């Protein structure tokens, strides 16, 4: 393996571990200290469509984040599938971010319209991060 290839593998592995840490931490916050703040992000239509109240949506999404974060590390042979699942999760929660921005509802760390708008642009970056960190490792 060339030095450049080793560097790429190391960067991707580091990115995957950091993504996993982010997901597990965010998931834990959904279940504990941030739970109340995340309820305002749940769009008004989601509890009807999902047939669960806003708190259950927050708990379920937190549990999914923890599982995805753990899978990103624990399932190296399924790395690409896990990456696509993480990307799909980021797409699935995007309507909540749009809802929060449109309604102007504050949550921890998102108390201004500017912060809520910036979060909308963060979501595609997270999606790209997930795919880049878990994508195929090509051989030359």
C-alpha atoms as a PDB file:
ATOM      1  CA  UNK A   1       0.000   0.000   0.000  1.00  0.00           C
ATOM      2  CA  UNK A   2       1.386   3.384  -0.974  1.00  0.00           C
ATOM      3  CA  UNK A   3       1.812   6.237   1.477  1.00  0.00           C
ATOM      4  CA  UNK A   4      -0.958   8.198  -0.271  1.00  0.00           C
ATOM      5  CA  UNK A   5      -3.307   5.233  -0.026  1.00  0.00           C
ATOM      6  CA  UNK A   6      -2.538   4.766   3.675  1.00  0.00           C
ATOM      7  CA  UNK A   7      -3.249   8.443   4.254  1.00  0.00           C
ATOM      8  CA  UNK A   8      -6.645   8.173   2.503  1.00  0.00           C
ATOM      9  CA  UNK A   9      -7.565   5.074   4.501  1.00  0.00           C
ATOM     10  CA  UNK A  10      -6.535   6.781   7.742  1.00  0.00           C
ATOM     11  CA  UNK A  11      -8.498   9.953   6.964  1.00  0.00           C
ATOM     12  CA  UNK A  12     -11.608   7.965   6.062  1.00  0.00           C
ATOM     13  CA  UNK A  13     -11.349   5.802   9.181  1.00  0.00           C
ATOM     14  CA  UNK A  14     -10.940   8.910  11.335  1.00  0.00           C
ATOM     15  CA  UNK A  15     -13.917  10.534   9.615  1.00  0.00           C
ATOM     16  CA  UNK A  16     -15.985   7.390  10.224  1.00  0.00           C
ATOM     17  CA  UNK A  17     -15.065   7.307  13.923  1.00  0.00           C
ATOM     18  CA  UNK A  18     -15.869  11.009  14.334  1.00  0.00           C
ATOM     19  CA  UNK A  19     -19.189  10.544  12.542  1.00  0.00           C
ATOM     20  CA  UNK A  20     -19.980   7.593  14.796  1.00  0.00           C
ATOM     21  CA  UNK A  21     -19.140   9.668  17.883  1.00  0.00           C
ATOM     22  CA  UNK A  22     -21.355  12.493  16.633  1.00  0.00           C
ATOM     23  CA  UNK A  23     -24.272  10.122  16.009  1.00  0.00           C
ATOM     24  CA  UNK A  24     -23.976   8.373  19.371  1.00  0.00           C
ATOM     25  CA  UNK A  25     -23.668  11.687  21.232  1.00  0.00           C
ATOM     26  CA  UNK A  26     -26.628  13.209  19.373  1.00  0.00           C
ATOM     27  CA  UNK A  27     -28.642  10.041  19.963  1.00  0.00           C
ATOM     28  CA  UNK A  28     -27.837  10.117  23.674  1.00  0.00           C
ATOM     29  CA  UNK A  29     -28.934  13.748  23.829  1.00  0.00           C
ATOM     30  CA  UNK A  30     -32.261  12.773  22.225  1.00  0.00           C
ATOM     31  CA  UNK A  31     -32.786  10.310  25.056  1.00  0.00           C
ATOM     32  CA  UNK A  32     -31.567  12.497  27.933  1.00  0.00           C
ATOM     33  CA  UNK A  33     -30.485  16.127  28.316  1.00  0.00           C
ATOM     34  CA  UNK A  34     -31.742  17.458  24.954  1.00  0.00           C
ATOM     35  CA  UNK A  35     -34.950  15.496  24.713  1.00  0.00           C
ATOM     36  CA  UNK A  36     -37.261  18.372  25.501  1.00  0.00           C
ATOM     37  CA  UNK A  37     -35.525  20.712  23.036  1.00  0.00           C
ATOM     38  CA  UNK A  38     -35.777  18.221  20.195  1.00  0.00           C
ATOM     39  CA  UNK A  39     -39.573  18.032  20.491  1.00  0.00           C
ATOM     40  CA  UNK A  40     -39.912  21.483  18.887  1.00  0.00           C
ATOM     41  CA  UNK A  41     -38.118  20.189  15.797  1.00  0.00           C
ATOM     42  CA  UNK A  42     -40.715  17.479  15.163  1.00  0.00           C
ATOM     43  CA  UNK A  43     -43.035  18.764  12.418  1.00  0.00           C
ATOM     44  CA  UNK A  44     -46.694  19.014  13.394  1.00  0.00           C
ATOM     45  CA  UNK A  45     -47.651  16.392  10.788  1.00  0.00           C
ATOM     46  CA  UNK A  46     -45.083  13.781  11.877  1.00  0.00           C
ATOM     47  CA  UNK A  47     -46.945  12.419  14.932  1.00  0.00           C
ATOM     48  CA  UNK A  48     -50.066  11.866  12.809  1.00  0.00           C
ATOM     49  CA  UNK A  49     -48.175  10.166   9.981  1.00  0.00           C
ATOM     50  CA  UNK A  50     -45.964   8.094  12.284  1.00  0.00           C
ATOM     51  CA  UNK A  51     -48.795   7.406  14.746  1.00  0.00           C
ATOM     52  CA  UNK A  52     -46.717   8.374  17.765  1.00  0.00           C
ATOM     53  CA  UNK A  53     -46.424  11.530  19.813  1.00  0.00           C
ATOM     54  CA  UNK A  54     -43.579  14.016  19.369  1.00  0.00           C
ATOM     55  CA  UNK A  55     -41.687  12.635  22.360  1.00  0.00           C
ATOM     56  CA  UNK A  56     -41.779   9.122  20.914  1.00  0.00           C
ATOM     57  CA  UNK A  57     -40.466  10.481  17.601  1.00  0.00           C
ATOM     58  CA  UNK A  58     -37.551  12.103  19.455  1.00  0.00           C
ATOM     59  CA  UNK A  59     -36.790   8.908  21.385  1.00  0.00           C
ATOM     60  CA  UNK A  60     -37.019   6.751  18.259  1.00  0.00           C
ATOM     61  CA  UNK A  61     -34.749   9.040  16.255  1.00  0.00           C
ATOM     62  CA  UNK A  62     -32.250   9.085  19.119  1.00  0.00           C
ATOM     63  CA  UNK A  63     -32.232   5.301  19.269  1.00  0.00           C
ATOM     64  CA  UNK A  64     -31.703   5.120  15.499  1.00  0.00           C
ATOM     65  CA  UNK A  65     -28.785   7.554  15.753  1.00  0.00           C
ATOM     66  CA  UNK A  66     -27.119   5.434  18.420  1.00  0.00           C
ATOM     67  CA  UNK A  67     -27.596   2.242  16.405  1.00  0.00           C
ATOM     68  CA  UNK A  68     -26.236   3.869  13.235  1.00  0.00           C
ATOM     69  CA  UNK A  69     -23.252   5.313  15.075  1.00  0.00           C
ATOM     70  CA  UNK A  70     -22.401   1.937  16.576  1.00  0.00           C
ATOM     71  CA  UNK A  71     -22.927   0.178  13.244  1.00  0.00           C
ATOM     72  CA  UNK A  72     -20.509   2.559  11.511  1.00  0.00           C
ATOM     73  CA  UNK A  73     -17.747   1.139  13.704  1.00  0.00           C
ATOM     74  CA  UNK A  74     -18.936  -2.358  14.579  1.00  0.00           C
ATOM     75  CA  UNK A  75     -19.841  -3.503  11.058  1.00  0.00           C
ATOM     76  CA  UNK A  76     -16.790  -2.834   8.867  1.00  0.00           C
ATOM     77  CA  UNK A  77     -17.891  -5.322   6.192  1.00  0.00           C
ATOM     78  CA  UNK A  78     -21.206  -3.456   5.886  1.00  0.00           C
ATOM     79  CA  UNK A  79     -19.562  -0.031   5.869  1.00  0.00           C
ATOM     80  CA  UNK A  80     -21.156   1.101   2.597  1.00  0.00           C
ATOM     81  CA  UNK A  81     -24.657  -0.037   3.528  1.00  0.00           C
ATOM     82  CA  UNK A  82     -24.323   1.638   6.909  1.00  0.00           C
ATOM     83  CA  UNK A  83     -23.184   4.816   5.159  1.00  0.00           C
ATOM     84  CA  UNK A  84     -26.253   4.788   2.934  1.00  0.00           C
ATOM     85  CA  UNK A  85     -28.448   4.180   5.992  1.00  0.00           C
ATOM     86  CA  UNK A  86     -26.867   7.149   7.778  1.00  0.00           C
ATOM     87  CA  UNK A  87     -27.368   9.308   4.682  1.00  0.00           C
ATOM     88  CA  UNK A  88     -31.014   8.199   4.496  1.00  0.00           C
ATOM     89  CA  UNK A  89     -31.439   9.109   8.165  1.00  0.00           C
ATOM     90  CA  UNK A  90     -30.073  12.608   7.507  1.00  0.00           C
ATOM     91  CA  UNK A  91     -32.551  12.971   4.639  1.00  0.00           C
ATOM     92  CA  UNK A  92     -35.403  11.692   6.830  1.00  0.00           C
ATOM     93  CA  UNK A  93     -34.806  14.241   9.603  1.00  0.00           C
ATOM     94  CA  UNK A  94     -34.346  17.177   7.225  1.00  0.00           C
ATOM     95  CA  UNK A  95     -38.075  18.084   7.241  1.00  0.00           C
ATOM     96  CA  UNK A  96     -37.761  18.642  10.992  1.00  0.00           C
ATOM     97  CA  UNK A  97     -34.951  21.119  10.429  1.00  0.00           C
ATOM     98  CA  UNK A  98     -37.007  22.923   7.776  1.00  0.00           C
ATOM     99  CA  UNK A  99     -39.992  22.969  10.136  1.00  0.00           C
ATOM    100  CA  UNK A 100     -37.917  24.465  12.925  1.00  0.00           C
ATOM    101  CA  UNK A 101     -36.548  27.150  10.596  1.00  0.00           C
ATOM    102  CA  UNK A 102     -39.976  28.004   9.151  1.00  0.00           C
ATOM    103  CA  UNK A 103     -41.670  28.209  12.554  1.00  0.00           C
ATOM    104  CA  UNK A 104     -38.789  30.010  14.266  1.00  0.00           C
ATOM    105  CA  UNK A 105     -38.874  27.632  17.212  1.00  0.00           C
ATOM    106  CA  UNK A 106     -35.818  27.750  19.418  1.00  0.00           C
ATOM    107  CA  UNK A 107     -33.896  24.743  20.625  1.00  0.00           C
ATOM    108  CA  UNK A 108     -30.581  24.442  22.456  1.00  0.00           C
ATOM    109  CA  UNK A 109     -27.914  25.990  20.231  1.00  0.00           C
ATOM    110  CA  UNK A 110     -30.497  27.161  17.709  1.00  0.00           C
ATOM    111  CA  UNK A 111     -31.992  30.304  19.173  1.00  0.00           C
ATOM    112  CA  UNK A 112     -31.710  32.620  16.140  1.00  0.00           C
ATOM    113  CA  UNK A 113     -33.075  32.508  12.604  1.00  0.00           C
ATOM    114  CA  UNK A 114     -29.497  32.636  11.326  1.00  0.00           C
ATOM    115  CA  UNK A 115     -28.526  29.533  13.341  1.00  0.00           C
ATOM    116  CA  UNK A 116     -31.626  27.664  12.212  1.00  0.00           C
ATOM    117  CA  UNK A 117     -30.931  28.575   8.577  1.00  0.00           C
ATOM    118  CA  UNK A 118     -27.278  27.519   8.882  1.00  0.00           C
ATOM    119  CA  UNK A 119     -28.440  24.150  10.177  1.00  0.00           C
ATOM    120  CA  UNK A 120     -30.282  23.568   6.901  1.00  0.00           C
ATOM    121  CA  UNK A 121     -26.958  23.817   5.066  1.00  0.00           C
ATOM    122  CA  UNK A 122     -25.275  21.558   7.602  1.00  0.00           C
ATOM    123  CA  UNK A 123     -27.539  18.630   6.718  1.00  0.00           C
ATOM    124  CA  UNK A 124     -26.167  18.122   3.156  1.00  0.00           C
ATOM    125  CA  UNK A 125     -22.647  18.372   4.593  1.00  0.00           C
ATOM    126  CA  UNK A 126     -23.462  15.620   7.089  1.00  0.00           C
ATOM    127  CA  UNK A 127     -24.887  13.494   4.297  1.00  0.00           C
ATOM    128  CA  UNK A 128     -21.722  13.965   2.214  1.00  0.00           C
ATOM    129  CA  UNK A 129     -19.596  13.182   5.277  1.00  0.00           C
ATOM    130  CA  UNK A 130     -21.474   9.924   5.832  1.00  0.00           C
ATOM    131  CA  UNK A 131     -21.005   8.807   2.239  1.00  0.00           C
ATOM    132  CA  UNK A 132     -17.361   9.881   2.030  1.00  0.00           C
ATOM    133  CA  UNK A 133     -16.410   8.230   5.321  1.00  0.00           C
ATOM    134  CA  UNK A 134     -18.105   4.936   4.518  1.00  0.00           C
ATOM    135  CA  UNK A 135     -17.732   4.687   0.759  1.00  0.00           C
ATOM    136  CA  UNK A 136     -15.774   2.084  -1.128  1.00  0.00           C
ATOM    137  CA  UNK A 137     -12.030   2.032  -0.708  1.00  0.00           C
ATOM    138  CA  UNK A 138     -10.827   1.850  -4.296  1.00  0.00           C
ATOM    139  CA  UNK A 139      -7.598   0.121  -5.185  1.00  0.00           C
ATOM    140  CA  UNK A 140      -5.359   1.512  -7.861  1.00  0.00           C
END
